[in-house]
Protein backbone atom coordinates (compact mmCIF):
# COMPACT_ATOMS: atom_id res chain seq x y z
CA UNK A 1 -39.68 -52.65 -73.07
CA UNK A 2 -36.33 -51.38 -70.64
CA UNK A 3 -34.85 -53.36 -67.59
CA UNK A 4 -36.69 -56.39 -67.92
CA UNK A 5 -35.17 -59.20 -65.75
CA UNK A 6 -35.99 -62.83 -66.82
CA UNK A 7 -34.08 -65.56 -64.94
CA UNK A 8 -33.65 -69.17 -66.23
CA UNK A 9 -33.51 -72.41 -63.82
CA UNK A 10 -33.21 -75.15 -65.79
CA UNK A 11 -32.83 -78.88 -64.31
CA UNK A 12 -28.44 -79.29 -65.26
CA UNK A 13 -27.01 -82.15 -64.08
CA UNK A 14 -23.64 -84.10 -65.24
CA UNK A 15 -25.65 -86.29 -67.18
CA UNK A 16 -28.13 -84.49 -68.93
CA UNK A 17 -28.28 -81.11 -71.18
CA UNK A 18 -31.22 -80.98 -72.57
CA UNK A 19 -33.19 -78.30 -70.42
CA UNK A 20 -30.19 -76.09 -70.24
CA UNK A 21 -29.94 -75.90 -74.36
CA UNK A 22 -33.06 -75.29 -74.59
CA UNK A 23 -32.60 -72.35 -71.91
CA UNK A 24 -30.25 -71.16 -73.45
CA UNK A 25 -31.63 -70.83 -77.43
CA UNK A 26 -34.53 -69.24 -75.73
CA UNK A 27 -32.31 -66.78 -73.53
CA UNK A 28 -30.41 -66.03 -77.33
CA UNK A 29 -33.51 -65.88 -79.40
CA UNK A 30 -34.76 -63.04 -76.88
CA UNK A 31 -31.44 -61.47 -76.71
CA UNK A 32 -30.96 -60.87 -79.99
CA UNK A 33 -34.77 -59.45 -80.17
CA UNK A 34 -34.45 -57.25 -77.44
CA UNK A 35 -30.74 -56.81 -76.71
CA UNK A 36 -29.61 -54.20 -73.97
CA UNK A 37 -33.04 -53.68 -72.39
CA UNK A 38 -32.97 -57.48 -70.84
CA UNK A 39 -31.02 -58.78 -68.23
CA UNK A 40 -30.89 -62.31 -68.51
CA UNK A 41 -29.57 -64.69 -65.60
CA UNK A 42 -28.66 -68.45 -64.59
CA UNK A 43 -29.10 -70.75 -62.22
CA UNK A 44 -26.91 -73.81 -62.93
CA UNK A 45 -24.92 -76.90 -61.08
CA UNK A 46 -21.17 -76.50 -61.37
CA UNK A 47 -20.37 -79.52 -61.58
CA UNK A 48 -21.39 -79.67 -65.15
CA UNK A 49 -19.44 -79.08 -67.91
CA UNK A 50 -21.01 -76.45 -69.28
CA UNK A 51 -21.64 -74.36 -66.19
CA UNK A 52 -18.31 -72.26 -66.41
CA UNK A 53 -19.28 -71.12 -70.62
CA UNK A 54 -22.52 -70.28 -70.10
CA UNK A 55 -22.61 -66.88 -71.98
CA UNK A 56 -24.83 -64.88 -69.34
CA UNK A 57 -24.36 -64.14 -65.72
CA UNK A 58 -24.90 -67.47 -63.51
CA UNK A 59 -25.19 -68.18 -60.22
CA UNK A 60 -22.96 -71.83 -59.66
CA UNK A 61 -24.56 -74.31 -57.67
CA UNK A 62 -23.23 -77.10 -55.54
CA UNK A 63 -25.68 -79.47 -56.92
CA UNK A 64 -28.77 -79.41 -58.43
CA UNK A 65 -31.12 -75.99 -58.00
CA UNK A 66 -33.46 -78.15 -56.37
CA UNK A 67 -31.42 -79.50 -53.51
CA UNK A 68 -30.56 -76.24 -53.40
CA UNK A 69 -33.72 -74.55 -51.92
CA UNK A 70 -32.09 -71.85 -50.02
CA UNK A 71 -29.58 -70.57 -52.20
CA UNK A 72 -32.60 -70.13 -54.82
CA UNK A 73 -34.72 -68.73 -53.27
CA UNK A 74 -32.36 -65.99 -51.72
CA UNK A 75 -31.14 -65.27 -54.85
CA UNK A 76 -34.74 -64.50 -56.45
CA UNK A 77 -35.61 -62.24 -53.65
CA UNK A 78 -32.48 -60.49 -54.45
CA UNK A 79 -32.39 -60.55 -57.83
CA UNK A 80 -36.48 -59.64 -58.74
CA UNK A 81 -36.96 -61.26 -61.56
CA UNK A 82 -39.95 -60.37 -64.04
CA UNK A 83 -40.08 -63.91 -64.89
CA UNK A 84 -38.77 -67.20 -63.96
CA UNK A 85 -38.17 -69.92 -66.38
CA UNK A 86 -38.29 -73.32 -64.45
CA UNK A 87 -37.27 -75.88 -67.07
CA UNK A 88 -38.58 -79.45 -65.23
CA UNK A 89 -37.34 -77.84 -62.03
CA UNK A 90 -38.79 -75.99 -59.55
CA UNK A 91 -40.19 -76.12 -56.58
CA UNK A 92 -43.11 -74.86 -54.81
CA UNK A 93 -40.90 -72.70 -52.30
CA UNK A 94 -39.20 -71.32 -55.37
CA UNK A 95 -42.10 -70.40 -56.87
CA UNK A 96 -43.76 -68.79 -54.73
CA UNK A 97 -40.06 -66.92 -53.81
CA UNK A 98 -40.88 -65.68 -57.20
CA UNK A 99 -44.77 -64.66 -56.77
CA UNK A 100 -43.90 -62.92 -53.92
CA UNK A 101 -41.45 -60.71 -55.84
CA UNK A 102 -44.13 -60.03 -58.30
CA UNK A 103 -42.57 -62.40 -61.12
CA UNK A 104 -44.49 -64.17 -63.59
CA UNK A 105 -43.66 -67.83 -63.44
CA UNK A 106 -42.97 -70.49 -66.48
CA UNK A 107 -43.02 -74.27 -66.05
CA UNK A 108 -41.81 -76.20 -68.83
CA UNK A 109 -42.27 -80.06 -68.84
CA UNK A 110 -41.18 -82.67 -71.51
CA UNK A 111 -42.56 -86.04 -70.28
CA UNK A 112 -45.68 -87.14 -67.61
CA UNK A 113 -44.14 -87.38 -64.69
CA UNK A 114 -42.53 -83.81 -64.92
CA UNK A 115 -45.93 -82.68 -65.97
CA UNK A 116 -47.80 -84.19 -63.09
CA UNK A 117 -44.77 -82.20 -60.88
CA UNK A 118 -46.48 -78.84 -62.25
CA UNK A 119 -50.28 -80.05 -61.24
CA UNK A 120 -49.49 -80.52 -57.70
CA UNK A 121 -51.95 -79.32 -55.07
CA UNK A 122 -49.05 -76.82 -53.85
CA UNK A 123 -48.69 -75.64 -56.90
CA UNK A 124 -52.20 -74.09 -57.34
CA UNK A 125 -51.97 -70.49 -58.45
CA UNK A 126 -47.99 -70.52 -58.23
CA UNK A 127 -47.87 -71.20 -62.14
CA UNK A 128 -48.64 -68.58 -64.81
CA UNK A 129 -47.90 -71.17 -67.86
CA UNK A 130 -46.84 -74.33 -68.49
CA UNK A 131 -45.67 -75.70 -71.68
CA UNK A 132 -45.02 -79.28 -72.54
CA UNK A 133 -42.46 -79.52 -75.03
CA UNK A 134 -44.05 -82.74 -76.73
CA UNK A 135 -46.22 -83.75 -79.74
CA UNK A 136 -49.58 -85.19 -78.62
CA UNK A 137 -48.67 -88.66 -80.08
CA UNK A 138 -45.23 -88.72 -77.66
CA UNK A 139 -46.88 -88.16 -74.45
CA UNK A 140 -50.38 -89.96 -72.62
CA UNK A 141 -52.98 -87.78 -72.28
CA UNK A 142 -54.11 -86.20 -68.52
CA UNK A 143 -55.68 -88.74 -66.46
CA UNK A 144 -59.23 -88.42 -65.16
CA UNK A 145 -57.78 -87.19 -61.58
CA UNK A 146 -55.14 -84.57 -63.61
CA UNK A 147 -57.98 -83.05 -65.16
CA UNK A 148 -60.41 -82.85 -61.92
CA UNK A 149 -57.66 -80.81 -60.33
CA UNK A 150 -57.55 -78.57 -63.36
CA UNK A 151 -60.95 -77.87 -63.21
CA UNK A 152 -61.52 -77.40 -59.96
CA UNK A 153 -58.09 -75.38 -58.20
CA UNK A 154 -56.01 -72.67 -59.97
CA UNK A 155 -53.79 -74.76 -61.56
CA UNK A 156 -52.24 -73.70 -65.01
CA UNK A 157 -53.23 -76.19 -67.80
CA UNK A 158 -50.65 -77.50 -69.89
CA UNK A 159 -50.18 -77.19 -73.06
CA UNK A 160 -48.37 -79.50 -75.82
CA UNK A 161 -46.77 -77.30 -77.80
CA UNK A 162 -44.35 -79.88 -79.75
CA UNK A 163 -40.92 -79.92 -79.37
CA UNK A 164 -38.08 -77.47 -79.21
CA UNK A 165 -36.27 -76.71 -82.54
CA UNK A 166 -34.61 -73.94 -83.78
CA UNK A 167 -34.04 -73.92 -87.77
CA UNK A 168 -31.24 -73.13 -89.50
CA UNK A 169 -30.80 -70.37 -92.14
CA UNK A 170 -30.10 -71.87 -95.82
CA UNK A 171 -26.81 -69.94 -95.05
CA UNK A 172 -26.04 -71.77 -92.05
CA UNK A 173 -26.80 -75.00 -93.37
CA UNK A 174 -24.34 -74.51 -96.30
CA UNK A 175 -21.61 -72.96 -94.26
CA UNK A 176 -21.53 -75.94 -91.74
CA UNK A 177 -21.69 -78.59 -94.83
CA UNK A 178 -18.58 -76.57 -96.35
CA UNK A 179 -16.82 -76.55 -92.65
CA UNK A 180 -16.85 -80.10 -92.27
CA UNK A 181 -16.64 -81.22 -96.15
CA UNK A 182 -19.51 -82.67 -96.61
CA UNK A 183 -22.17 -83.14 -98.97
CA UNK A 184 -25.90 -83.14 -98.22
CA UNK A 185 -27.33 -86.45 -97.69
CA UNK A 186 -23.95 -87.83 -98.17
CA UNK A 187 -23.29 -88.60 -94.24
CA UNK A 188 -24.75 -89.70 -91.39
CA UNK A 189 -24.72 -88.03 -87.83
CA UNK A 190 -24.70 -89.36 -84.48
CA UNK A 191 -24.75 -88.41 -80.54
CA UNK A 192 -25.76 -89.97 -77.70
CA UNK A 193 -27.05 -86.84 -75.42
CA UNK A 194 -24.94 -84.97 -73.51
CA UNK A 195 -22.01 -87.81 -73.70
CA UNK A 196 -22.41 -88.40 -70.12
CA UNK A 197 -24.93 -91.04 -69.99
CA UNK A 198 -23.28 -94.94 -69.05
CA UNK A 199 -25.52 -98.00 -69.00
CA UNK A 200 -23.85 -101.12 -67.74
CA UNK A 201 -20.70 -99.76 -66.85
CA UNK A 202 -20.32 -98.40 -70.46
CA UNK A 203 -20.21 -94.85 -71.51
CA UNK A 204 -23.23 -94.52 -73.95
CA UNK A 205 -21.12 -92.06 -76.50
CA UNK A 206 -18.32 -95.10 -76.54
CA UNK A 207 -21.18 -97.43 -78.01
CA UNK A 208 -22.23 -94.89 -80.46
CA UNK A 209 -18.55 -94.35 -81.50
CA UNK A 210 -17.78 -97.88 -82.24
CA UNK A 211 -21.43 -98.57 -83.82
CA UNK A 212 -20.57 -95.12 -86.28
CA UNK A 213 -17.13 -96.69 -86.89
CA UNK A 214 -18.88 -100.04 -88.06
CA UNK A 215 -21.62 -97.95 -90.09
CA UNK A 216 -19.47 -95.93 -92.02
CA UNK A 217 -17.00 -98.95 -93.01
CA UNK A 218 -20.65 -100.97 -94.43
CA UNK A 219 -22.75 -98.28 -95.99
CA UNK A 220 -19.85 -95.73 -97.11
CA UNK A 221 -21.29 -92.59 -96.04
CA UNK A 222 -18.98 -90.01 -93.95
CA UNK A 223 -20.04 -89.85 -90.31
CA UNK A 224 -19.99 -87.12 -87.95
CA UNK A 225 -19.60 -88.02 -84.22
CA UNK A 226 -21.04 -85.24 -81.61
CA UNK A 227 -19.68 -87.08 -78.38
CA UNK A 228 -21.35 -84.12 -76.06
CA UNK A 229 -20.15 -82.01 -73.55
CA UNK A 230 -20.01 -84.05 -70.59
CA UNK A 231 -18.02 -86.67 -72.19
CA UNK A 232 -14.58 -86.65 -70.20
CA UNK A 233 -12.27 -89.00 -72.28
CA UNK A 234 -10.08 -87.38 -75.42
CA UNK A 235 -11.90 -87.73 -78.43
CA UNK A 236 -10.92 -90.86 -80.60
CA UNK A 237 -9.15 -90.40 -83.97
CA UNK A 238 -10.54 -91.97 -87.38
CA UNK A 239 -10.33 -91.58 -91.31
CA UNK A 240 -13.94 -92.28 -91.23
CA UNK A 241 -15.35 -90.22 -88.84
CA UNK A 242 -15.55 -86.57 -87.73
CA UNK A 243 -15.20 -86.60 -84.35
CA UNK A 244 -16.47 -83.20 -82.48
CA UNK A 245 -16.61 -82.88 -78.52
CA UNK A 246 -19.65 -80.58 -78.73
CA UNK A 247 -21.29 -78.53 -81.40
CA UNK A 248 -23.33 -74.89 -80.82
CA UNK A 249 -27.36 -75.67 -80.94
CA UNK A 250 -27.95 -74.25 -84.58
CA UNK A 251 -24.61 -75.49 -86.24
CA UNK A 252 -25.49 -78.74 -84.82
CA UNK A 253 -29.58 -78.53 -86.22
CA UNK A 254 -28.00 -77.42 -89.91
CA UNK A 255 -25.99 -80.96 -89.82
CA UNK A 256 -29.19 -83.04 -88.48
CA UNK A 257 -31.21 -81.65 -90.78
CA UNK A 258 -29.07 -81.96 -94.15
CA UNK A 259 -28.20 -85.46 -92.77
CA UNK A 260 -29.24 -88.96 -94.89
CA UNK A 261 -29.87 -90.70 -91.35
CA UNK A 262 -29.27 -90.05 -87.80
CA UNK A 263 -28.70 -92.22 -84.61
CA UNK A 264 -29.84 -90.52 -81.09
CA UNK A 265 -30.59 -91.09 -77.62
CA UNK A 266 -34.20 -90.71 -77.27
CA UNK A 267 -33.62 -87.09 -75.50
CA UNK A 268 -34.85 -83.67 -76.49
CA UNK A 269 -32.61 -84.07 -79.83
CA UNK A 270 -34.81 -87.07 -80.85
CA UNK A 271 -37.91 -84.42 -81.16
CA UNK A 272 -36.00 -82.31 -83.33
CA UNK A 273 -34.61 -84.82 -85.49
CA UNK A 274 -38.45 -85.67 -86.19
CA UNK A 275 -39.23 -82.03 -86.49
CA UNK A 276 -36.50 -81.37 -89.39
CA UNK A 277 -37.62 -84.41 -91.35
CA UNK A 278 -34.40 -86.78 -90.43
CA UNK A 279 -34.88 -90.32 -90.16
CA UNK A 280 -33.52 -91.66 -87.32
CA UNK A 281 -32.36 -94.92 -85.48
CA UNK A 282 -32.38 -94.14 -81.32
CA UNK A 283 -31.78 -96.32 -78.68
CA UNK A 284 -33.08 -95.25 -75.07
CA UNK A 285 -30.29 -94.25 -72.71
CA UNK A 286 -31.89 -93.46 -69.53
CA UNK A 287 -35.10 -94.43 -67.71
CA UNK A 288 -37.08 -91.43 -69.10
CA UNK A 289 -36.01 -92.17 -72.54
CA UNK A 290 -37.81 -95.67 -73.24
CA UNK A 291 -41.70 -94.09 -73.67
CA UNK A 292 -40.22 -91.67 -75.86
CA UNK A 293 -38.75 -93.89 -78.00
CA UNK A 294 -41.57 -96.26 -78.35
CA UNK A 295 -44.24 -93.77 -79.40
CA UNK A 296 -42.08 -92.07 -81.27
CA UNK A 297 -41.49 -95.18 -83.10
CA UNK A 298 -44.96 -95.72 -83.30
CA UNK A 299 -45.13 -92.89 -85.48
CA UNK A 300 -43.26 -94.83 -88.36
CA UNK A 301 -40.55 -92.18 -89.00
CA UNK A 302 -37.97 -93.23 -85.90
CA UNK A 303 -36.61 -96.82 -85.89
CA UNK A 304 -35.86 -98.28 -82.23
CA UNK A 305 -32.57 -99.86 -81.85
CA UNK A 306 -30.91 -102.26 -78.58
CA UNK A 307 -28.17 -100.19 -77.56
CA UNK A 308 -25.91 -102.30 -79.26
CA UNK A 309 -23.15 -102.26 -81.62
CA UNK A 310 -24.61 -105.00 -84.21
CA UNK A 311 -28.08 -104.37 -83.29
CA UNK A 312 -27.58 -100.42 -84.48
CA UNK A 313 -25.68 -101.37 -86.96
CA UNK A 314 -28.38 -103.33 -89.04
CA UNK A 315 -31.36 -101.36 -88.17
CA UNK A 316 -29.44 -98.20 -89.82
CA UNK A 317 -29.04 -100.14 -92.81
CA UNK A 318 -32.66 -101.78 -93.01
CA UNK A 319 -33.58 -98.26 -92.57
CA UNK A 320 -31.36 -97.19 -96.08
CA UNK A 321 -32.35 -100.03 -98.11
CA UNK A 322 -34.42 -99.16 -100.75
CA UNK A 323 -38.06 -98.84 -100.28
CA UNK A 324 -37.53 -98.40 -96.44
CA UNK A 325 -36.04 -95.23 -96.49
CA UNK A 326 -38.40 -92.97 -98.70
CA UNK A 327 -41.56 -94.69 -96.76
CA UNK A 328 -40.02 -93.51 -93.55
CA UNK A 329 -39.30 -89.86 -95.38
CA UNK A 330 -43.17 -89.91 -96.19
CA UNK A 331 -44.59 -90.63 -93.35
CA UNK A 332 -44.07 -87.21 -92.07
CA UNK A 333 -46.62 -86.17 -93.70
CA UNK A 334 -48.61 -87.04 -91.24
CA UNK A 335 -47.55 -85.95 -88.15
CA UNK A 336 -48.55 -82.19 -86.95
CA UNK A 337 -46.20 -79.64 -86.96
CA UNK A 338 -45.96 -77.46 -84.08
CA UNK A 339 -42.89 -76.42 -83.01
CA UNK A 340 -42.78 -74.78 -79.73
CA UNK A 341 -39.62 -72.53 -80.08
CA UNK A 342 -42.25 -69.77 -81.41
CA UNK A 343 -44.61 -70.61 -79.48
CA UNK A 344 -42.52 -70.28 -76.16
CA UNK A 345 -40.63 -67.45 -77.30
CA UNK A 346 -43.51 -65.44 -78.45
CA UNK A 347 -45.28 -66.43 -74.77
CA UNK A 348 -42.19 -65.38 -72.97
CA UNK A 349 -42.56 -62.22 -74.51
CA UNK A 350 -45.78 -61.61 -73.86
CA UNK A 351 -45.42 -62.47 -69.91
CA UNK A 352 -42.48 -59.79 -69.92
CA UNK A 353 -44.40 -57.21 -71.66
CA UNK A 354 -47.90 -57.88 -69.46
CA UNK A 355 -50.03 -59.21 -72.13
CA UNK A 356 -51.97 -61.88 -71.42
CA UNK A 357 -51.54 -65.18 -73.72
């Protein structure tokens, strides 16, 4: 494969970061495989904290790509990518522009509403591959109407491929523990997503930090709090907690996999915690997370908490008490073992070299 061009268009806003991180991890994986023979470009909202630090060439927009239709279509026409990966983004006109230059179109969705966008009538014939980065237990089945459309129109079938998780190597795990002077299963980890979410006028990362202080005092465990790249305040200082602005994806997952318990939002990181078999307390901090946290809690491997310091602390303590903790760990054996990272990486490789999936 030589001189192949891949364009990533993830949803990018000052609130969330999951779609961008997924695209970034995929881009890094493909680059390590193909090196200079693969030309990668991103399109991002310039008002996000991570946009200017993207390690790949980037077209910066004044707002999300969905609202910058003309600029996106013009860039696709000029860049002439071999494949365009729309992660929870992408208007039909942008997909048409991609098809006009001969590009393969990939659409990634992560919940039923986004999945439905990939099944709109105006997407017929435009999407080559539609991956849903959810396990079966975490998303409602296709409706009868969606099944009817799939049977009658040339719409890409949405395949549930599980959570998108990069597994850290043994060396990466060891390095992460050494860097922060931690021991496996003797610390907890806290993250409220990108750090840009607010609820009732309060920053969710601040609420999580205060809960982490309580947890550290009442359990004696060391805590790691990752505030997120969209957190705009100065980080607090604490003897009980290691406060980090953000972490490179693999290092964060290396710590998450070795934590005794995690406090997370109900975004993509929650599904990664399930894959890594880390018992987790989760709160829904945005509208699209409510159903996910309920579905994840129904598996028995996640406990739901209100976005309240006392409730979070109590749920963590309950989870850590025997036999609840061991019961939670044991529940993982009953879950499907599908990880979308390998599926998507190999799928994009196949699209770029012109093979059928």
